[in-house]
N, C-alpha and C. Protein backbone atom coordinates (compact mmCIF):
# COMPACT_ATOMS: atom_id res chain seq x y z
N MET A 1 64.78 68.60 93.12
CA MET A 1 65.29 69.77 93.84
C MET A 1 66.78 69.87 93.57
N PRO A 2 67.34 70.97 93.10
CA PRO A 2 68.67 71.08 93.02
C PRO A 2 69.56 71.02 94.29
N LYS A 3 70.70 70.47 94.21
CA LYS A 3 71.57 70.41 95.46
C LYS A 3 72.40 71.54 95.50
N ASP A 4 72.53 72.14 96.70
CA ASP A 4 73.40 73.27 96.94
C ASP A 4 74.97 72.71 96.98
N THR A 5 75.58 73.12 95.95
CA THR A 5 76.91 72.73 95.72
C THR A 5 78.13 73.73 96.05
N LYS A 6 77.65 74.93 96.45
CA LYS A 6 78.68 75.93 96.89
C LYS A 6 78.64 76.26 98.26
N GLU A 7 79.81 76.63 98.84
CA GLU A 7 79.97 77.12 100.20
C GLU A 7 79.59 78.61 100.29
N PRO A 8 79.36 79.10 101.49
CA PRO A 8 79.11 80.49 101.69
C PRO A 8 80.12 81.46 101.02
N THR A 9 79.74 82.46 100.43
CA THR A 9 80.60 83.43 99.79
C THR A 9 80.60 84.79 100.61
N LEU A 10 81.80 85.37 100.84
CA LEU A 10 81.84 86.58 101.68
C LEU A 10 81.29 87.71 100.78
N LEU A 11 80.30 88.38 101.29
CA LEU A 11 79.84 89.61 100.70
C LEU A 11 80.52 90.83 101.08
N GLY A 12 80.92 90.96 102.35
CA GLY A 12 81.71 92.09 102.75
C GLY A 12 81.87 92.07 104.25
N VAL A 13 82.45 93.20 104.73
CA VAL A 13 82.74 93.36 106.09
C VAL A 13 81.80 94.42 106.59
N ALA A 14 81.07 94.11 107.66
CA ALA A 14 80.15 95.05 108.18
C ALA A 14 80.85 96.40 108.74
N PRO A 15 80.25 97.56 108.61
CA PRO A 15 80.93 98.66 109.11
C PRO A 15 81.09 98.69 110.62
N VAL A 16 82.28 99.23 111.02
CA VAL A 16 82.51 99.19 112.52
C VAL A 16 82.39 100.69 113.03
N ALA A 17 82.24 100.72 114.36
CA ALA A 17 81.91 102.07 114.88
C ALA A 17 83.05 103.13 114.65
N ASN A 18 84.33 102.75 114.82
CA ASN A 18 85.44 103.66 114.60
C ASN A 18 85.98 103.29 113.20
N SER A 19 86.63 104.37 112.66
CA SER A 19 87.20 104.21 111.31
C SER A 19 88.73 104.04 111.46
N THR A 20 89.27 104.54 112.52
CA THR A 20 90.68 104.29 112.86
C THR A 20 90.88 103.69 114.24
N PHE A 21 91.98 102.89 114.41
CA PHE A 21 92.24 102.13 115.57
C PHE A 21 93.69 102.36 116.00
N ASN A 22 93.87 102.30 117.33
CA ASN A 22 95.19 102.49 118.03
C ASN A 22 95.75 101.23 118.50
N ASP A 23 96.97 101.13 118.78
CA ASP A 23 97.65 100.04 119.42
C ASP A 23 96.92 99.69 120.67
N GLY A 24 96.48 98.46 120.91
CA GLY A 24 95.90 97.98 122.13
C GLY A 24 94.41 98.02 122.11
N ASP A 25 93.75 98.70 121.04
CA ASP A 25 92.30 98.75 120.97
C ASP A 25 91.73 97.28 120.69
N LYS A 26 90.69 97.03 121.38
CA LYS A 26 89.97 95.66 121.13
C LYS A 26 89.00 95.93 119.99
N VAL A 27 88.98 94.97 119.06
CA VAL A 27 88.11 95.32 117.82
C VAL A 27 87.37 94.04 117.59
N VAL A 28 86.07 94.20 117.17
CA VAL A 28 85.15 93.13 116.62
C VAL A 28 84.94 93.38 115.31
N ILE A 29 85.23 92.31 114.37
CA ILE A 29 85.04 92.43 112.94
C ILE A 29 83.94 91.41 112.58
N ALA A 30 82.88 91.93 111.82
CA ALA A 30 81.75 91.07 111.39
C ALA A 30 81.84 90.80 109.89
N LEU A 31 81.98 89.61 109.53
CA LEU A 31 82.04 89.28 108.07
C LEU A 31 80.60 88.78 107.65
N VAL A 32 80.00 89.26 106.57
CA VAL A 32 78.80 88.97 106.12
C VAL A 32 78.83 88.12 104.90
N PHE A 33 78.15 86.92 105.03
CA PHE A 33 78.18 85.92 103.91
C PHE A 33 76.78 85.90 103.14
N ASP A 34 76.76 85.17 102.09
CA ASP A 34 75.50 85.32 101.25
C ASP A 34 74.65 84.14 101.55
N GLU A 35 74.99 83.18 102.63
CA GLU A 35 74.10 82.30 103.16
C GLU A 35 74.50 81.94 104.49
N ILE A 36 73.63 81.17 105.20
CA ILE A 36 73.84 80.74 106.61
C ILE A 36 75.13 79.92 106.68
N VAL A 37 75.90 80.25 107.67
CA VAL A 37 77.13 79.56 107.98
C VAL A 37 76.90 78.55 109.11
N ASN A 38 77.02 77.23 108.89
CA ASN A 38 76.81 76.32 109.92
C ASN A 38 78.04 75.68 110.63
N SER A 39 79.14 75.95 109.99
CA SER A 39 80.43 75.41 110.61
C SER A 39 81.57 76.35 110.06
N ALA A 40 82.54 76.54 111.04
CA ALA A 40 83.67 77.35 110.69
C ALA A 40 84.76 76.84 111.54
N ASN A 41 85.05 75.64 111.60
CA ASN A 41 86.13 75.14 112.43
C ASN A 41 87.56 75.68 112.12
N ASN A 42 88.21 76.17 113.14
CA ASN A 42 89.66 76.63 113.04
C ASN A 42 89.76 77.81 112.09
N VAL A 43 88.77 78.57 111.88
CA VAL A 43 88.84 79.67 110.99
C VAL A 43 89.28 81.03 111.80
N THR A 44 90.27 81.55 111.31
CA THR A 44 90.64 82.92 112.01
C THR A 44 90.84 83.95 110.84
N LEU A 45 91.18 85.17 111.23
CA LEU A 45 91.07 86.30 110.26
C LEU A 45 92.35 87.06 110.49
N THR A 46 93.08 87.31 109.36
CA THR A 46 94.26 88.17 109.41
C THR A 46 94.03 89.47 108.80
N THR A 47 94.39 90.55 109.44
CA THR A 47 94.00 91.88 109.01
C THR A 47 95.32 92.82 109.11
N THR A 48 95.28 93.94 108.58
CA THR A 48 96.41 94.92 108.67
C THR A 48 96.39 95.63 110.04
N LEU A 49 95.43 95.22 110.90
CA LEU A 49 95.35 95.87 112.17
C LEU A 49 96.32 95.22 113.25
N SER A 50 96.72 93.98 112.95
CA SER A 50 97.33 93.20 114.01
C SER A 50 98.42 92.24 113.43
N ASN A 51 99.44 91.90 114.24
CA ASN A 51 100.33 90.87 113.82
C ASN A 51 99.75 89.47 114.20
N SER A 52 98.73 89.48 115.02
CA SER A 52 98.05 88.16 115.46
C SER A 52 96.74 88.02 114.75
N ALA A 53 96.40 86.72 114.55
CA ALA A 53 95.13 86.52 113.94
C ALA A 53 93.98 86.90 114.80
N PHE A 54 92.85 87.43 114.28
CA PHE A 54 91.52 87.51 115.10
C PHE A 54 90.90 86.26 115.20
N THR A 55 90.30 85.87 116.25
CA THR A 55 89.68 84.53 116.45
C THR A 55 88.15 84.76 116.33
N LEU A 56 87.62 83.54 115.99
CA LEU A 56 86.11 83.60 115.76
C LEU A 56 85.38 83.61 117.11
N ALA A 57 84.54 84.53 117.29
CA ALA A 57 83.82 84.63 118.57
C ALA A 57 82.35 84.13 118.39
N GLY A 58 81.94 83.80 117.27
CA GLY A 58 80.61 83.12 117.30
C GLY A 58 79.79 83.59 116.15
N SER A 59 78.45 83.24 116.33
CA SER A 59 77.35 83.49 115.35
C SER A 59 77.19 82.45 114.29
N LEU A 60 77.43 81.16 114.56
CA LEU A 60 77.11 80.14 113.60
C LEU A 60 75.57 80.08 113.52
N SER A 61 75.08 79.55 112.46
CA SER A 61 73.81 79.47 112.10
C SER A 61 73.13 80.78 111.75
N THR A 62 73.99 81.82 111.29
CA THR A 62 73.51 83.00 110.82
C THR A 62 74.39 83.22 109.64
N ASN A 63 74.25 84.34 108.89
CA ASN A 63 75.11 84.60 107.83
C ASN A 63 76.19 85.70 108.17
N VAL A 64 76.46 85.87 109.41
CA VAL A 64 77.39 86.81 109.99
C VAL A 64 78.34 86.09 110.88
N LEU A 65 79.65 86.14 110.72
CA LEU A 65 80.66 85.60 111.72
C LEU A 65 81.42 86.86 112.25
N TYR A 66 81.50 86.66 113.64
CA TYR A 66 82.23 87.72 114.41
C TYR A 66 83.61 87.09 114.78
N PHE A 67 84.49 88.02 114.61
CA PHE A 67 85.97 87.87 114.98
C PHE A 67 86.46 88.95 115.96
N VAL A 68 87.16 88.57 116.84
CA VAL A 68 87.76 89.50 117.90
C VAL A 68 89.20 89.48 117.99
N GLY A 69 89.84 90.64 118.20
CA GLY A 69 91.22 90.72 118.31
C GLY A 69 91.61 92.07 118.88
N THR A 70 93.02 92.08 119.08
CA THR A 70 93.52 93.43 119.62
C THR A 70 94.48 93.92 118.67
N VAL A 71 94.34 95.33 118.40
CA VAL A 71 95.26 95.95 117.51
C VAL A 71 96.64 95.99 118.05
N SER A 72 97.49 95.61 117.16
CA SER A 72 99.01 95.60 117.65
C SER A 72 99.87 96.18 116.47
N GLY A 73 100.91 96.84 116.87
CA GLY A 73 101.68 97.51 115.82
C GLY A 73 101.43 98.95 115.77
N TYR A 74 101.07 99.40 114.57
CA TYR A 74 100.72 100.88 114.46
C TYR A 74 99.24 101.11 114.35
N GLY A 75 98.38 100.25 114.51
CA GLY A 75 97.08 100.58 114.30
C GLY A 75 96.64 100.71 112.82
N GLY A 76 95.65 101.41 112.42
CA GLY A 76 95.31 101.55 111.19
C GLY A 76 93.79 101.75 110.93
N THR A 77 93.29 101.63 109.71
CA THR A 77 91.93 101.92 109.43
C THR A 77 90.93 100.63 109.44
N ALA A 78 89.88 100.94 109.43
CA ALA A 78 88.84 99.84 109.42
C ALA A 78 89.00 98.86 108.43
N PRO A 79 88.90 97.54 108.76
CA PRO A 79 89.16 96.51 107.73
C PRO A 79 88.05 96.54 106.66
N THR A 80 88.41 96.10 105.49
CA THR A 80 87.41 95.96 104.41
C THR A 80 87.65 94.57 103.70
N LYS A 81 86.76 94.25 102.87
CA LYS A 81 86.82 92.87 102.22
C LYS A 81 88.11 92.83 101.41
N ASP A 82 88.71 93.88 101.05
CA ASP A 82 90.07 93.87 100.30
C ASP A 82 91.21 93.79 101.13
N ASN A 83 91.16 94.07 102.45
CA ASN A 83 92.38 94.04 103.25
C ASN A 83 92.40 93.02 104.38
N ILE A 84 91.53 91.97 104.21
CA ILE A 84 91.49 90.94 105.17
C ILE A 84 91.83 89.56 104.47
N LEU A 85 92.32 88.59 105.23
CA LEU A 85 92.58 87.27 104.77
C LEU A 85 91.87 86.28 105.77
N ILE A 86 91.03 85.39 105.21
CA ILE A 86 90.30 84.51 106.09
C ILE A 86 91.18 83.12 105.94
N ASN A 87 91.76 82.80 107.13
CA ASN A 87 92.58 81.63 107.10
C ASN A 87 91.67 80.37 107.43
N SER A 88 91.96 79.45 106.70
CA SER A 88 91.22 78.07 106.66
C SER A 88 89.75 78.29 106.15
N SER A 89 89.60 79.15 105.19
CA SER A 89 88.43 79.53 104.66
C SER A 89 87.60 78.39 104.10
N GLU A 90 88.36 77.31 103.68
CA GLU A 90 87.76 76.14 103.22
C GLU A 90 86.86 75.40 104.34
N ASN A 91 86.98 75.77 105.59
CA ASN A 91 86.24 75.25 106.64
C ASN A 91 84.98 75.90 106.96
N ILE A 92 84.73 76.96 106.16
CA ILE A 92 83.30 77.67 106.28
C ILE A 92 82.37 76.82 105.48
N LYS A 93 81.44 76.32 106.17
CA LYS A 93 80.38 75.39 105.47
C LYS A 93 78.97 75.91 105.72
N ASP A 94 78.11 75.69 104.82
CA ASP A 94 76.71 75.94 104.98
C ASP A 94 75.95 74.75 105.57
N MET A 95 74.73 74.80 105.66
CA MET A 95 73.90 73.78 106.34
C MET A 95 73.89 72.47 105.48
N CYS A 96 74.09 72.68 104.18
CA CYS A 96 73.95 71.52 103.28
C CYS A 96 75.23 70.78 103.05
N ASN A 97 76.29 71.26 103.42
CA ASN A 97 77.58 70.63 103.15
C ASN A 97 78.37 70.31 104.40
């Protein structure tokens, strides 16, 4: 049986209810991966919506990780795969690693 040697890969950002956000709005961002995520220690998310990192809210043992944060600054449009940065992404592990 072949061994799984790669970690989960980000497929995209799940659509959010609003397309634009204002300063002070609470936002949940869902990242969808190609396999189940078993561990995500110290992983945060940087977006154009906030000067502060969004924190992991949960959903380990699924292929979706939820991050929560508050819009600060000027607000903006919904995050996409192209305008986010996963901090400590090397800590996102699947069930085999």
